[in-house]
Protein backbone atom coordinates (compact mmCIF):
# COMPACT_ATOMS: atom_id res chain seq x y z
CA MET A 1 -0.61 -0.17 -0.17
CA ILE A 2 1.07 3.56 -0.82
CA LYS A 3 0.23 6.06 1.38
CA ALA A 4 1.21 9.64 0.99
CA ARG A 5 0.46 13.54 3.46
CA LEU A 6 -1.05 16.06 1.93
CA SER A 7 1.04 19.16 1.36
CA ALA A 8 -1.96 21.32 0.90
CA ASP A 9 -5.74 22.54 1.26
CA ILE A 10 -7.56 20.47 -0.94
CA PRO A 11 -10.92 23.42 -1.26
CA GLU A 12 -14.50 21.02 -0.66
CA ASN A 13 -15.10 20.13 -4.38
CA ARG A 14 -12.76 18.01 -4.91
CA PHE A 15 -13.05 15.17 -1.52
CA SER A 16 -16.22 13.80 -0.24
CA SER A 17 -16.27 12.84 3.66
CA PHE A 18 -18.12 9.46 4.36
CA ASN A 19 -18.45 10.45 8.34
CA GLY A 20 -18.02 14.45 8.39
CA ARG A 21 -14.46 14.38 9.25
CA LEU A 22 -12.91 17.02 6.36
CA PRO A 23 -8.91 16.52 5.10
CA LYS A 24 -6.23 19.18 6.85
CA ILE A 25 -3.02 18.73 6.25
CA GLY A 26 -0.63 16.62 7.80
CA ASP A 27 -3.09 13.11 6.97
CA LEU A 28 -1.06 10.56 5.69
CA VAL A 29 -3.68 9.35 2.74
CA VAL A 30 -3.99 5.93 1.19
CA ILE A 31 -3.27 7.04 -2.83
CA ASP A 32 -5.34 4.46 -4.92
CA GLN A 33 -5.76 5.89 -8.77
CA GLY A 34 -3.95 8.80 -10.83
CA PHE A 35 -5.39 10.29 -13.69
CA THR A 36 -5.21 13.88 -15.85
CA PHE A 37 -7.17 16.55 -13.99
CA PRO A 38 -9.01 19.04 -17.00
CA ASP A 39 -5.80 21.01 -16.83
CA GLU A 40 -3.42 18.49 -17.82
CA LYS A 41 -1.91 17.90 -14.61
CA ALA A 42 -0.83 15.10 -12.67
CA GLY A 43 -3.71 13.89 -10.28
CA CYS A 44 -4.56 10.91 -7.96
CA LEU A 45 -8.10 10.13 -5.95
CA VAL A 46 -6.81 9.14 -1.89
CA TYR A 47 -8.47 8.13 0.89
CA PHE A 48 -7.51 8.52 4.68
CA GLN A 49 -8.11 5.33 6.82
CA ASN A 50 -8.69 4.96 10.54
CA SER A 51 -6.28 3.64 12.87
CA GLY A 52 -8.96 0.67 12.88
CA GLY A 53 -9.73 0.95 8.74
CA ASP A 54 -12.58 2.79 8.72
CA PHE A 55 -12.87 4.97 5.66
CA GLU A 56 -13.33 8.56 5.95
CA TYR A 57 -12.68 10.63 3.36
CA GLU A 58 -11.90 10.51 -0.61
CA ALA A 59 -10.00 12.93 -2.46
CA LYS A 60 -9.48 14.39 -5.93
CA VAL A 61 -5.97 16.02 -5.37
CA TYR A 62 -2.56 17.07 -7.20
CA GLU A 63 0.41 15.25 -7.40
CA THR A 64 1.61 18.52 -6.20
CA GLU A 65 -0.46 18.07 -2.60
CA LEU A 66 0.94 15.37 -2.03
CA GLY A 67 4.36 15.38 0.27
CA LYS A 68 6.91 11.75 -0.72
CA ASN A 69 5.47 8.87 -0.95
CA GLU A 70 5.50 6.48 1.98
CA ARG A 71 5.32 2.10 0.98
CA ILE A 72 3.12 0.68 3.69
CA VAL A 73 3.05 -2.51 4.03
């Protein structure tokens, strides 16, 4: 599983919360799949997973809004 930390605030129109949790800088998110935004910049779909294993939100983020990737086993 590959994760990275959010390094920027994510606008409301690019995330969906499953339980009211909002994305915040420093969250360790699971990277799911890459895609290209309409402005032709690289992005990816990410999920925040809590310590209990539940997903709390999903977000579409630019690669520049993520820190260094971390491989988590």
